[in-house]
Protein backbone atom coordinates (compact mmCIF):
# COMPACT_ATOMS: atom_id res chain seq x y z
CA MET A 1 88.54 64.32 120.20
CA LEU A 2 91.57 63.01 120.98
CA GLU A 3 90.39 61.40 124.22
CA THR A 4 87.35 59.72 122.44
CA LYS A 5 89.70 58.21 119.47
CA ARG A 6 91.90 56.77 122.21
CA THR A 7 89.05 55.25 124.01
CA LEU A 8 87.43 53.71 120.72
CA ILE A 9 91.21 52.51 120.07
CA PHE A 10 91.65 50.49 123.72
CA LEU A 11 87.95 49.40 123.10
CA LEU A 12 88.74 47.87 120.08
CA LEU A 13 92.03 46.31 121.20
CA ALA A 14 90.10 44.64 124.31
CA VAL A 15 87.16 43.39 121.72
CA THR A 16 89.84 41.90 119.76
CA LEU A 17 91.81 40.27 122.51
CA SER A 18 88.88 38.62 124.24
CA SER A 19 87.77 37.31 120.66
CA SER A 20 91.39 35.81 120.32
CA LEU A 21 91.29 34.17 123.31
CA LEU A 22 87.81 32.78 123.54
CA GLY A 23 88.54 31.40 119.93
CA CYS A 24 91.72 29.56 121.08
CA GLN A 25 92.98 31.47 117.61
CA PRO A 26 97.01 31.40 116.87
CA GLN A 27 98.92 34.52 118.01
CA SER A 28 99.44 37.35 115.54
CA PRO A 29 102.55 37.40 113.88
CA ALA A 30 105.36 39.48 115.14
CA ASN A 31 105.63 41.95 112.41
CA ALA A 32 101.56 42.94 112.90
CA THR A 33 100.82 46.67 113.36
CA ALA A 34 98.46 48.07 116.21
CA PRO A 35 95.90 50.72 115.02
CA ALA A 36 97.57 53.85 114.54
CA GLN A 37 96.96 56.81 116.39
CA THR A 38 95.91 59.61 113.87
CA SER A 39 96.19 62.64 116.48
CA VAL A 40 99.14 64.74 117.80
CA THR A 41 98.87 67.60 120.31
CA ILE A 42 100.87 70.69 119.90
CA VAL A 43 100.97 72.83 122.90
CA ILE A 44 102.16 76.66 123.00
CA ALA A 45 101.90 79.13 125.77
CA GLU A 46 99.29 81.73 124.37
CA ASP A 47 96.67 82.00 121.62
CA PRO A 48 97.52 83.07 118.41
CA PRO A 49 95.99 86.36 117.68
CA SER A 50 94.92 85.32 114.35
CA PHE A 51 96.43 83.37 111.15
CA ASN A 52 98.19 86.27 109.89
CA PRO A 53 101.72 87.04 111.43
CA VAL A 54 102.44 89.84 109.01
CA ILE A 55 100.02 91.97 111.38
CA THR A 56 100.36 90.47 114.49
CA ASP A 57 103.69 88.59 114.72
CA THR A 58 104.01 86.32 117.84
CA GLY A 59 105.44 83.32 115.88
CA TYR A 60 102.28 81.23 117.28
CA ASP A 61 100.09 83.08 114.47
CA SER A 62 102.92 81.78 111.86
CA LEU A 63 102.45 78.25 113.61
CA VAL A 64 98.95 77.74 112.90
CA MET A 65 99.08 79.76 109.77
CA ASP A 66 101.58 77.16 107.94
CA LEU A 67 99.02 74.38 108.93
CA VAL A 68 96.50 75.92 106.59
CA MET A 69 97.89 78.36 104.12
CA LEU A 70 100.45 78.57 101.52
CA GLY A 71 102.57 81.08 99.98
CA LEU A 72 104.28 80.92 96.62
CA THR A 73 107.51 79.45 98.23
CA ASP A 74 109.02 78.17 101.34
CA ILE A 75 112.43 77.85 102.55
CA ASP A 76 113.42 74.35 104.09
CA GLU A 77 115.70 73.87 107.18
CA ASN A 78 119.02 74.08 105.19
CA GLY A 79 118.25 77.12 103.86
CA ASN A 80 116.73 75.78 100.50
CA VAL A 81 113.90 77.93 98.76
CA PHE A 82 111.29 75.35 97.21
CA PRO A 83 107.99 76.28 95.42
CA GLU A 84 104.69 75.60 97.26
CA LEU A 85 101.92 77.43 95.17
CA ALA A 86 104.35 78.15 92.85
CA ALA A 87 105.07 75.46 89.58
CA GLU A 88 108.76 76.36 89.86
CA LEU A 89 111.03 79.04 90.91
CA PRO A 90 111.95 82.14 88.84
CA THR A 91 115.37 82.69 88.12
CA LEU A 92 117.97 84.56 85.64
CA GLU A 93 118.83 81.27 84.06
CA ASN A 94 115.26 80.03 83.25
CA GLY A 95 114.31 83.66 81.93
CA ASP A 96 111.41 84.06 84.49
CA VAL A 97 113.71 87.05 85.98
CA VAL A 98 114.66 89.88 83.97
CA GLN A 99 117.00 92.76 84.80
CA ASP A 100 117.56 95.88 83.21
CA GLU A 101 120.97 96.75 85.04
CA THR A 102 121.35 100.47 83.45
CA ALA A 103 117.82 101.35 84.86
CA GLY A 104 118.54 99.44 88.07
CA THR A 105 114.64 97.62 87.61
CA MET A 106 113.70 93.90 87.36
CA SER A 107 110.80 91.67 86.55
CA VAL A 108 109.69 88.29 87.70
CA THR A 109 107.44 85.90 86.39
CA TRP A 110 105.52 83.43 88.47
CA LYS A 111 103.94 80.10 87.17
CA MET A 112 101.63 78.78 89.45
CA ARG A 113 100.58 75.33 89.90
CA LYS A 114 97.14 74.05 88.74
CA ASP A 115 96.41 71.62 91.05
CA ALA A 116 95.97 73.76 94.17
CA GLN A 117 92.52 74.48 95.27
CA TRP A 118 90.97 76.05 98.42
CA SER A 119 88.98 73.86 100.63
CA ASP A 120 86.01 75.02 99.45
CA GLY A 121 87.24 73.24 95.79
CA THR A 122 87.77 76.88 94.33
CA PRO A 123 91.19 76.74 92.29
CA VAL A 124 94.09 78.94 93.60
CA THR A 125 95.03 80.99 90.97
CA ALA A 126 97.02 84.25 90.09
CA LYS A 127 94.12 86.56 90.90
CA ASP A 128 94.49 85.41 94.30
CA VAL A 129 98.18 86.58 94.54
CA ILE A 130 97.60 89.99 93.09
CA PHE A 131 94.39 90.43 95.62
CA THR A 132 96.83 90.02 98.34
CA TYR A 133 99.21 92.34 97.17
CA ASN A 134 96.42 95.12 96.49
CA ALA A 135 95.27 94.35 100.01
CA ILE A 136 98.80 94.38 101.71
CA LEU A 137 99.37 97.66 99.44
CA ASP A 138 96.15 99.40 100.76
CA PRO A 139 97.24 102.97 102.63
CA ALA A 140 94.48 102.57 104.88
CA LYS A 141 93.63 99.12 105.64
CA GLY A 142 96.92 97.26 104.53
CA SER A 143 100.51 96.40 106.08
CA TRP A 144 104.05 96.28 105.07
CA ILE A 145 106.13 93.40 103.80
CA PRO A 146 109.82 93.48 102.94
CA GLY A 147 110.23 95.22 99.35
CA ILE A 148 106.81 96.16 98.65
CA ASP A 149 108.20 99.69 98.45
CA TYR A 150 109.96 98.16 94.88
CA ILE A 151 107.07 96.77 93.15
CA ASP A 152 105.70 99.12 90.35
CA SER A 153 102.98 96.80 89.36
CA ILE A 154 101.66 93.27 89.02
CA ALA A 155 100.30 91.88 85.62
CA GLN A 156 98.13 88.85 85.44
CA VAL A 157 99.45 86.93 82.13
CA ASP A 158 96.79 84.12 82.64
CA ASN A 159 94.96 82.43 85.29
CA TYR A 160 98.19 80.78 86.61
CA THR A 161 100.77 83.25 85.45
CA LEU A 162 101.70 86.72 86.91
CA THR A 163 104.51 89.20 86.14
CA ILE A 164 105.74 91.56 89.28
CA ASN A 165 107.73 94.48 87.88
CA TYR A 166 110.16 96.13 90.37
CA ASN A 167 111.49 99.67 90.24
CA ALA A 168 114.92 98.50 91.75
CA ILE A 169 116.60 95.03 92.11
CA PHE A 170 114.92 93.04 94.97
CA PRO A 171 117.05 90.08 96.07
CA GLY A 172 114.46 88.84 98.57
CA TYR A 173 111.87 88.57 95.38
CA LEU A 174 111.79 84.51 96.19
CA THR A 175 110.28 84.66 99.36
CA GLN A 176 108.26 88.01 99.17
CA PHE A 177 105.17 86.16 98.70
CA GLY A 178 106.04 83.36 100.90
CA GLY A 179 108.35 82.31 103.90
CA GLU A 180 107.69 82.71 107.36
CA GLN A 181 105.09 85.54 107.47
CA VAL A 182 103.25 85.97 103.95
CA VAL A 183 100.68 83.64 102.31
CA VAL A 184 98.37 84.36 99.37
CA TRP A 185 95.07 84.78 100.59
CA PRO A 186 91.81 83.93 98.76
CA ALA A 187 90.28 86.75 96.86
CA HIS A 188 86.80 85.10 96.89
CA TYR A 189 86.65 84.58 100.41
CA CYS A 190 88.43 87.49 102.06
CA SER A 191 86.75 90.92 102.35
CA ALA A 192 88.77 93.75 100.51
CA GLU A 193 86.51 96.31 102.45
CA GLN A 194 87.25 94.83 105.62
CA GLY A 195 91.16 95.05 104.80
CA PHE A 196 94.06 92.72 105.25
CA SER A 197 94.98 94.40 108.60
CA ALA A 198 91.59 93.35 109.82
CA TRP A 199 89.58 90.97 107.89
CA ASP A 200 87.66 88.39 109.41
CA CYS A 201 89.14 85.56 107.21
CA ALA A 202 92.66 85.87 109.51
CA ARG A 203 90.57 84.35 112.09
CA GLU A 204 88.58 82.00 109.88
CA PRO A 205 90.85 81.17 107.22
CA LEU A 206 89.72 79.16 104.28
CA SER A 207 92.43 76.48 103.73
CA ASP A 208 94.69 75.75 100.72
CA GLY A 209 97.32 73.85 103.01
CA PRO A 210 97.41 70.38 104.46
CA TYR A 211 94.93 71.06 107.16
CA LYS A 212 91.73 73.06 107.73
CA LEU A 213 90.51 74.75 111.21
CA GLU A 214 87.57 72.79 112.25
CA GLU A 215 87.24 74.44 115.75
CA TRP A 216 88.78 77.28 117.84
CA VAL A 217 87.88 77.77 121.85
CA ASN A 218 90.11 80.67 123.01
CA GLY A 219 92.14 80.20 125.65
CA ASP A 220 91.82 76.45 125.17
CA HIS A 221 92.69 74.54 122.27
CA MET A 222 92.46 74.54 118.27
CA THR A 223 91.43 71.56 116.51
CA PHE A 224 93.07 71.10 112.48
CA VAL A 225 91.46 68.24 110.56
CA LYS A 226 93.17 67.10 107.00
CA ASN A 227 92.22 69.21 104.09
CA GLU A 228 91.27 66.61 101.69
CA ASN A 229 91.64 69.02 98.99
CA TYR A 230 95.37 69.54 99.36
CA PHE A 231 97.09 69.54 96.44
CA ASP A 232 99.89 66.93 97.49
CA LYS A 233 97.76 63.68 97.49
CA GLY A 234 98.26 61.29 100.36
CA LYS A 235 99.49 64.15 102.64
CA PRO A 236 99.29 64.78 105.47
CA SER A 237 99.05 61.00 107.02
CA ILE A 238 98.21 62.56 110.47
CA GLU A 239 94.27 63.16 110.15
CA THR A 240 94.16 65.68 113.45
CA ILE A 241 96.36 68.08 114.96
CA ILE A 242 95.23 69.62 118.38
CA VAL A 243 96.76 72.96 119.44
CA LYS A 244 96.61 73.18 123.29
CA ILE A 245 96.89 76.68 124.87
CA ILE A 246 99.20 75.71 127.87
CA PRO A 247 100.64 78.83 129.68
CA ASP A 248 102.79 77.45 131.87
CA ALA A 249 106.01 75.52 130.70
CA ALA A 250 106.39 73.51 133.44
CA VAL A 251 102.62 71.87 132.83
CA ARG A 252 103.67 71.50 129.06
CA LYS A 253 106.97 69.50 130.17
CA THR A 254 104.88 67.40 132.16
CA MET A 255 102.30 66.90 129.44
CA LEU A 256 105.33 65.56 127.12
CA LEU A 257 106.62 63.41 129.98
CA ASN A 258 103.48 61.74 130.54
CA GLY A 259 102.59 61.30 126.83
CA ASP A 260 99.64 64.07 126.66
CA ALA A 261 101.62 66.37 124.53
CA ASP A 262 103.42 65.91 121.13
CA LEU A 263 105.40 69.14 120.11
CA ASP A 264 106.62 72.13 122.51
CA MET A 265 107.21 74.84 120.27
CA TRP A 266 110.50 76.96 120.99
CA SER A 267 111.77 74.94 123.61
CA SER A 268 113.73 76.84 126.40
CA GLU A 269 117.10 75.60 127.29
CA GLN A 270 115.66 74.88 130.63
CA MET A 271 113.24 72.37 129.22
CA ILE A 272 115.56 70.75 126.87
CA HIS A 273 118.01 70.39 129.92
CA ASP A 274 115.08 68.79 132.13
CA LEU A 275 113.85 66.32 129.42
CA GLU A 276 117.45 64.97 128.77
CA GLY A 277 117.43 61.57 128.89
CA ALA A 278 113.51 61.10 128.72
CA GLU A 279 113.00 58.42 126.64
CA ASN A 280 109.86 59.43 125.08
CA VAL A 281 110.63 62.58 123.72
CA GLN A 282 113.40 64.11 121.41
CA VAL A 283 114.94 67.33 120.71
CA SER A 284 114.67 68.71 117.31
CA ASN A 285 117.70 71.33 116.65
CA SER A 286 117.98 73.70 113.77
CA PRO A 287 120.91 73.15 111.73
CA ASP A 288 121.81 76.81 112.74
CA ASN A 289 120.64 79.41 115.32
CA ARG A 290 118.77 82.35 114.57
CA TRP A 291 118.05 84.21 117.92
CA VAL A 292 120.99 86.21 118.80
CA MET A 293 121.19 87.57 122.27
CA ARG A 294 122.92 90.85 121.98
CA ILE A 295 123.02 94.61 123.94
CA PHE A 296 121.42 97.29 122.36
CA PHE A 297 123.23 100.78 123.51
CA ASN A 298 121.18 104.08 123.43
CA LEU A 299 123.67 106.37 121.78
CA ALA A 300 121.17 109.13 122.39
CA ALA A 301 120.41 110.45 125.83
CA LYS A 302 117.94 108.51 127.95
CA GLY A 303 114.23 110.04 127.08
CA ALA A 304 115.63 111.41 123.57
CA THR A 305 116.21 110.35 119.91
CA ASP A 306 118.63 112.14 118.71
CA PRO A 307 122.59 111.54 119.48
CA VAL A 308 124.02 114.47 117.75
CA ALA A 309 121.61 116.95 119.67
CA THR A 310 121.72 115.15 122.79
CA PRO A 311 124.52 112.60 122.92
CA HIS A 312 124.39 109.83 125.65
CA PRO A 313 126.84 111.00 128.48
CA ILE A 314 128.20 107.29 129.00
CA LEU A 315 127.40 105.12 125.94
CA SER A 316 128.21 107.89 122.91
CA ASN A 317 132.01 106.97 123.42
CA VAL A 318 132.65 104.08 121.52
CA LYS A 319 135.59 103.03 123.62
CA VAL A 320 132.67 102.57 126.78
CA ARG A 321 130.84 100.54 124.25
CA GLN A 322 133.99 98.25 123.71
CA ALA A 323 135.16 98.24 127.49
CA ILE A 324 131.59 96.63 128.32
CA ARG A 325 131.65 94.18 125.53
CA MET A 326 135.35 93.21 126.66
CA ALA A 327 134.01 93.03 130.68
CA ILE A 328 131.62 90.48 129.74
CA ASP A 329 132.17 86.73 130.24
CA VAL A 330 130.26 84.87 127.80
CA ASP A 331 131.48 81.39 128.05
CA THR A 332 130.42 81.31 131.68
CA ILE A 333 127.11 82.44 131.02
CA THR A 334 126.38 79.98 127.96
CA LYS A 335 127.59 77.19 130.27
CA GLU A 336 126.00 78.02 133.51
CA PHE A 337 122.57 79.85 132.64
CA PHE A 338 122.15 78.48 129.25
CA TYR A 339 123.32 74.98 129.86
CA GLY A 340 125.77 74.73 126.89
CA LEU A 341 122.93 74.98 124.56
CA ALA A 342 123.58 78.75 123.70
CA LYS A 343 127.03 79.14 121.31
CA PRO A 344 129.29 82.68 121.51
CA ASN A 345 128.65 84.86 118.51
CA TRP A 346 130.07 88.20 118.00
CA THR A 347 128.60 89.00 114.35
CA GLU A 348 125.61 89.24 112.19
CA PHE A 349 126.89 87.37 109.51
CA PHE A 350 127.48 83.94 110.99
CA ARG A 351 124.70 81.82 109.20
CA PRO A 352 124.45 80.32 105.75
CA PRO A 353 125.09 81.44 102.71
CA TYR A 354 126.41 84.85 104.15
CA VAL A 355 129.35 83.95 106.51
CA CYS A 356 131.82 86.44 107.09
CA ASP A 357 134.81 85.30 109.50
CA ASN A 358 136.71 88.66 108.98
CA VAL A 359 136.01 89.95 112.47
CA ALA A 360 137.69 88.15 115.41
CA ARG A 361 135.96 87.38 118.63
CA THR A 362 136.73 89.83 121.30
CA GLN A 363 138.15 88.20 124.19
CA PHE A 364 137.02 88.70 127.81
CA ASP A 365 139.54 90.87 129.64
CA LEU A 366 138.59 92.72 132.45
CA GLU A 367 142.08 94.67 132.94
CA GLY A 368 141.99 95.78 129.49
CA ALA A 369 138.26 96.95 129.62
CA LYS A 370 139.47 99.17 132.42
CA ALA A 371 142.32 100.38 130.37
CA LEU A 372 139.56 101.58 127.92
CA LEU A 373 137.71 103.36 130.28
CA GLU A 374 140.71 105.15 131.74
CA GLU A 375 141.21 106.34 128.10
CA ALA A 376 137.71 107.41 128.00
CA GLY A 377 138.20 109.86 130.98
CA TRP A 378 136.14 107.67 133.16
CA VAL A 379 137.96 107.28 136.35
CA ASP A 380 136.99 106.33 140.13
CA GLN A 381 138.64 109.35 141.84
CA ASP A 382 136.62 109.04 144.96
CA GLY A 383 137.16 105.29 145.65
CA ASP A 384 133.48 104.24 145.76
CA GLY A 385 133.45 101.84 143.14
CA VAL A 386 131.91 103.88 140.45
CA ARG A 387 133.83 105.80 138.17
CA GLU A 388 133.04 109.16 136.96
CA CYS A 389 133.71 111.47 134.04
CA HIS A 390 137.10 113.07 134.23
CA ASN A 391 137.55 114.76 130.96
CA CYS A 392 135.76 112.34 129.16
CA GLY A 393 134.10 114.59 126.87
CA THR A 394 130.67 113.53 126.84
CA ALA A 395 129.56 114.48 130.36
CA ALA A 396 130.15 116.95 132.97
CA ASP A 397 133.42 116.21 135.33
CA GLY A 398 131.99 114.39 138.41
CA TYR A 399 129.03 112.57 136.23
CA PRO A 400 128.75 109.07 138.06
CA MET A 401 129.33 105.90 135.47
CA GLU A 402 125.73 104.65 136.70
CA MET A 403 122.84 103.38 133.92
CA GLU A 404 119.70 101.34 133.86
CA PHE A 405 119.86 98.07 132.27
CA ILE A 406 116.59 96.58 131.14
CA THR A 407 115.47 92.99 129.85
CA TYR A 408 112.05 91.38 129.23
CA SER A 409 110.48 88.88 131.63
CA GLU A 410 108.80 86.55 128.90
CA TYR A 411 112.37 84.67 128.22
CA GLY A 412 112.68 83.59 131.89
CA GLU A 413 115.15 83.07 134.37
CA PRO A 414 118.26 82.03 131.99
CA LEU A 415 118.16 85.55 130.95
CA GLU A 416 117.48 87.23 134.14
CA LEU A 417 120.51 85.28 135.54
CA THR A 418 122.29 86.46 132.43
CA GLN A 419 121.12 90.20 133.23
CA GLN A 420 122.26 89.95 136.61
CA PHE A 421 125.63 88.36 135.93
CA ILE A 422 126.47 91.14 133.48
CA ALA A 423 125.91 93.68 136.14
CA GLU A 424 128.32 92.03 138.57
CA GLN A 425 131.16 92.26 136.18
CA LEU A 426 130.58 95.65 134.92
CA GLY A 427 130.37 96.51 138.76
CA LYS A 428 133.92 94.79 139.06
CA ILE A 429 135.31 97.58 136.34
CA GLY A 430 133.90 100.36 137.91
CA ILE A 431 129.91 100.71 135.86
CA LYS A 432 127.06 100.70 138.29
CA LEU A 433 123.76 99.12 136.40
CA ASN A 434 120.45 99.48 138.08
CA LEU A 435 118.70 96.35 136.90
CA THR A 436 114.95 96.41 135.31
CA VAL A 437 112.62 93.73 134.15
CA VAL A 438 109.45 94.77 131.77
CA GLU A 439 106.95 93.10 129.85
CA GLY A 440 108.01 92.71 125.91
CA SER A 441 104.85 94.19 124.91
CA VAL A 442 106.23 97.61 126.81
CA LEU A 443 109.77 97.31 125.64
CA TRP A 444 108.84 97.21 122.06
CA ALA A 445 105.70 98.98 121.67
CA THR A 446 105.33 101.94 119.62
CA ALA A 447 106.36 105.38 120.32
CA ALA A 448 102.74 106.38 120.13
CA ASP A 449 101.84 103.64 122.66
CA GLY A 450 104.68 104.72 125.05
CA GLY A 451 107.27 102.20 124.00
CA ILE A 452 110.33 102.11 126.10
CA GLU A 453 112.95 101.64 123.08
CA GLN A 454 110.96 103.66 120.17
CA ASN A 455 111.00 106.65 122.85
CA GLY A 456 114.55 106.05 124.06
CA ASN A 457 113.58 105.91 127.10
CA PHE A 458 116.55 103.61 128.23
CA ASP A 459 120.22 103.35 128.40
CA MET A 460 121.05 99.50 127.74
CA ASP A 461 119.06 96.60 127.42
CA ILE A 462 119.73 92.96 126.43
CA TRP A 463 117.31 90.77 124.36
CA ASP A 464 117.66 88.37 121.57
CA GLU A 465 116.77 88.85 117.53
CA GLY A 466 117.99 87.71 114.31
CA TYR A 467 116.41 87.16 110.80
CA ALA A 468 114.28 84.58 109.11
CA GLY A 469 114.89 83.33 105.79
CA ILE A 470 118.24 83.59 104.16
CA ASP A 471 118.45 87.26 103.24
CA PRO A 472 119.65 89.70 105.76
CA THR A 473 119.50 92.92 103.70
CA ASP A 474 115.64 94.41 105.18
CA TYR A 475 116.97 93.28 108.52
CA LEU A 476 120.01 95.15 108.32
CA TRP A 477 117.84 98.09 107.26
CA SER A 478 115.76 97.68 109.88
CA TYR A 479 118.31 97.56 112.64
CA TYR A 480 121.20 99.66 111.27
CA SER A 481 120.23 102.46 108.87
CA ALA A 482 119.85 105.92 109.06
CA GLU A 483 116.47 105.62 107.92
CA ALA A 484 115.44 103.06 110.54
CA ALA A 485 116.56 105.50 113.32
CA VAL A 486 113.34 107.68 113.20
CA PRO A 487 111.32 106.65 115.82
CA ASP A 488 108.32 103.96 114.73
CA ASN A 489 110.23 103.83 111.28
CA GLY A 490 112.36 100.92 112.06
CA TYR A 491 114.04 99.36 115.09
CA ASN A 492 117.23 101.35 115.17
CA TYR A 493 116.65 101.76 118.81
CA GLY A 494 120.17 103.10 119.53
CA ARG A 495 119.77 105.76 116.84
CA TRP A 496 123.28 104.57 115.37
CA GLU A 497 123.94 106.10 111.87
CA ASN A 498 126.88 105.47 109.44
CA PRO A 499 126.81 106.83 105.54
CA GLU A 500 129.41 104.17 104.86
CA PHE A 501 127.09 101.33 106.34
CA ASP A 502 124.16 102.83 104.47
CA SER A 503 126.15 102.95 100.99
CA LEU A 504 127.17 99.29 101.71
CA LEU A 505 123.94 98.15 102.22
CA ASP A 506 122.55 99.72 98.96
CA GLU A 507 125.30 97.60 97.42
CA ALA A 508 123.62 94.69 98.71
CA TYR A 509 120.77 94.98 96.94
CA THR A 510 121.86 92.96 94.12
CA LEU A 511 121.30 89.55 92.57
CA ASP A 512 124.95 89.04 92.43
CA THR A 513 125.78 86.81 95.50
CA GLN A 514 129.34 87.87 95.55
CA THR A 515 128.76 91.31 95.48
CA ARG A 516 126.47 90.91 98.28
CA HIS A 517 128.68 88.92 100.24
CA ASP A 518 131.67 91.40 99.85
CA ALA A 519 129.31 94.22 101.08
CA PHE A 520 128.29 92.11 104.10
CA CYS A 521 131.58 91.53 105.37
CA LYS A 522 132.43 95.09 105.04
CA MET A 523 129.36 95.76 107.05
CA ALA A 524 130.84 93.11 109.65
CA THR A 525 133.87 95.22 110.20
CA LEU A 526 131.80 98.23 110.75
CA LEU A 527 129.57 96.91 113.32
CA ASP A 528 132.32 95.57 114.97
CA GLU A 529 134.62 98.75 115.21
CA GLU A 530 131.64 100.98 116.05
CA LEU A 531 129.52 98.54 117.98
CA PRO A 532 126.04 99.89 118.19
CA GLN A 533 124.92 96.46 119.46
CA ALA A 534 127.05 94.08 121.37
CA LEU A 535 126.13 90.51 120.09
CA LEU A 536 126.68 88.11 122.68
CA PHE A 537 125.65 84.70 121.79
CA THR A 538 123.13 82.51 119.77
CA ALA A 539 120.15 81.04 121.82
CA VAL A 540 119.07 77.70 121.20
CA ASN A 541 116.37 77.25 118.17
CA ALA A 542 114.76 73.79 118.79
CA SER A 543 111.47 72.17 119.66
CA VAL A 544 110.85 69.17 122.03
CA HIS A 545 108.78 66.47 120.39
CA SER A 546 107.34 63.04 121.33
CA ALA A 547 109.44 60.18 120.00
CA ARG A 548 106.38 59.00 118.26
CA LEU A 549 106.14 62.03 116.20
CA GLN A 550 108.67 61.48 113.10
CA GLY A 551 109.94 63.96 110.44
CA VAL A 552 109.60 67.45 112.78
CA LYS A 553 112.63 69.92 111.79
CA SER A 554 113.40 72.83 113.21
CA SER A 555 114.77 75.71 111.20
CA THR A 556 116.06 79.32 111.48
CA ASN A 557 113.79 80.14 108.14
CA ASP A 558 110.51 79.24 109.47
CA ILE A 559 108.40 78.42 112.43
CA ILE A 560 108.08 74.43 113.42
CA THR A 561 104.90 73.57 111.17
CA TRP A 562 106.57 74.75 108.28
CA ASN A 563 106.47 70.82 106.99
CA ALA A 564 103.86 69.67 108.87
CA ALA A 565 102.20 68.17 105.65
CA ASP A 566 105.53 65.48 106.08
CA TRP A 567 104.94 64.19 109.52
CA THR A 568 104.08 60.98 110.51
CA LEU A 569 103.28 59.08 113.63
CA LYS A 570 105.73 55.86 114.85
């Protein structure tokens, strides 16, 4: 379709030019504009599995979902929540949020806009929100979204008003049915019998967003055309968006340089570096980074998931974990392997609105790291360069300081070079690391499916993670709470448990922002002292796009297409 449109434009220009020359007409004025191209091409590495990222969560599903589906709200690049299907944001101040501090409960009333329609002309109403909630809640065919456990009931007040009753205080209520992954699904179109996790409408969505799906050729492309029933009249200005499936990053880069592509999602440091100085491409950097590269320490013995019954012979000692962090030259990694685009980071609380500056950065110090290992009872007595346990208290005397160090292949060369560099540095302090690279799908699979981390089949691994949106509470629960240490119950792969942390996390479930901030900063201190994970640096959060595509805004809070309705062509 894109090539056909280009051909028609070129033919039109040729005819116009010929007529002008033959008729000896005067030249066009200097400010005249040529016919505008009305199509853009996005290139991604693989097909989205569906339009429902709650189920599949690859990022590509969120990218296409944002083109066609809306939630009650979304979040802009600066962390501001704004209404989509909602007419306004419910707050304590306007009376739409009511909390019972004694009972620890709350209710939230949502008033929806009345001009939103599905692409078939059916109004979007409160019935659709309640249908979506019930579908997610279904124990057999549903799923889980943050805070759904805290909802007691949802009551429809009228066609465009509903009230959500919570059995607890849930600070993330503004984006519970919005944001990066959750949208409202059409009750009259999606099949309740098929269920949320498998319904056909996740592959053939009915749009209420700026675009609608026209064609999907698996492994090749998806075509989206302007939704004439989109409530924001006059938008989008771009008629067609084509999403092409291009697995090879080098090919995507060439397409951008040649003008055959307009946007690359989640552009790597390598691509950004290679395209530096190219006149026809630009880089959209997020105001804040999201993805933090980190080392996960297994506090249980490799192959086990109970650090109390079977503690890790090496990593169960916090001094060893601290020594490992101290021996990693983060500045060299960010400059040499990530082209200066990565930024050193050592805490979970570095993004607005919850920034904690009460934790100092650990300085790179090989000698200091060696001293910590000596204190922990790890000494190289036989002179082979690898330390052994000598009264270390966590392993038998003579046990060698040797471990496996895993990363995932999909990130590419910068991370594999980082893995190798860390192994070299730890080798200098007497820790031998055996390197393994696996596919992320194997590393992160469920315990039932043989997942390496969920089954505890690792010593240390390194990869990047961070929370979407502006509320870190559920993310912190997933990675650090005692409940999340149970296999397949969360992502506390290291099995770290701390009652004080769990208590602080409970305190953070409040609408009082100062109380939340104070709790988060106390958590920051605990995480720094006990070091269940060693946070190293933030990876770049950016997308490369053609210079002709305007209005692209990378965001830590959502996928790059979050504001596609506002994009324009130069």
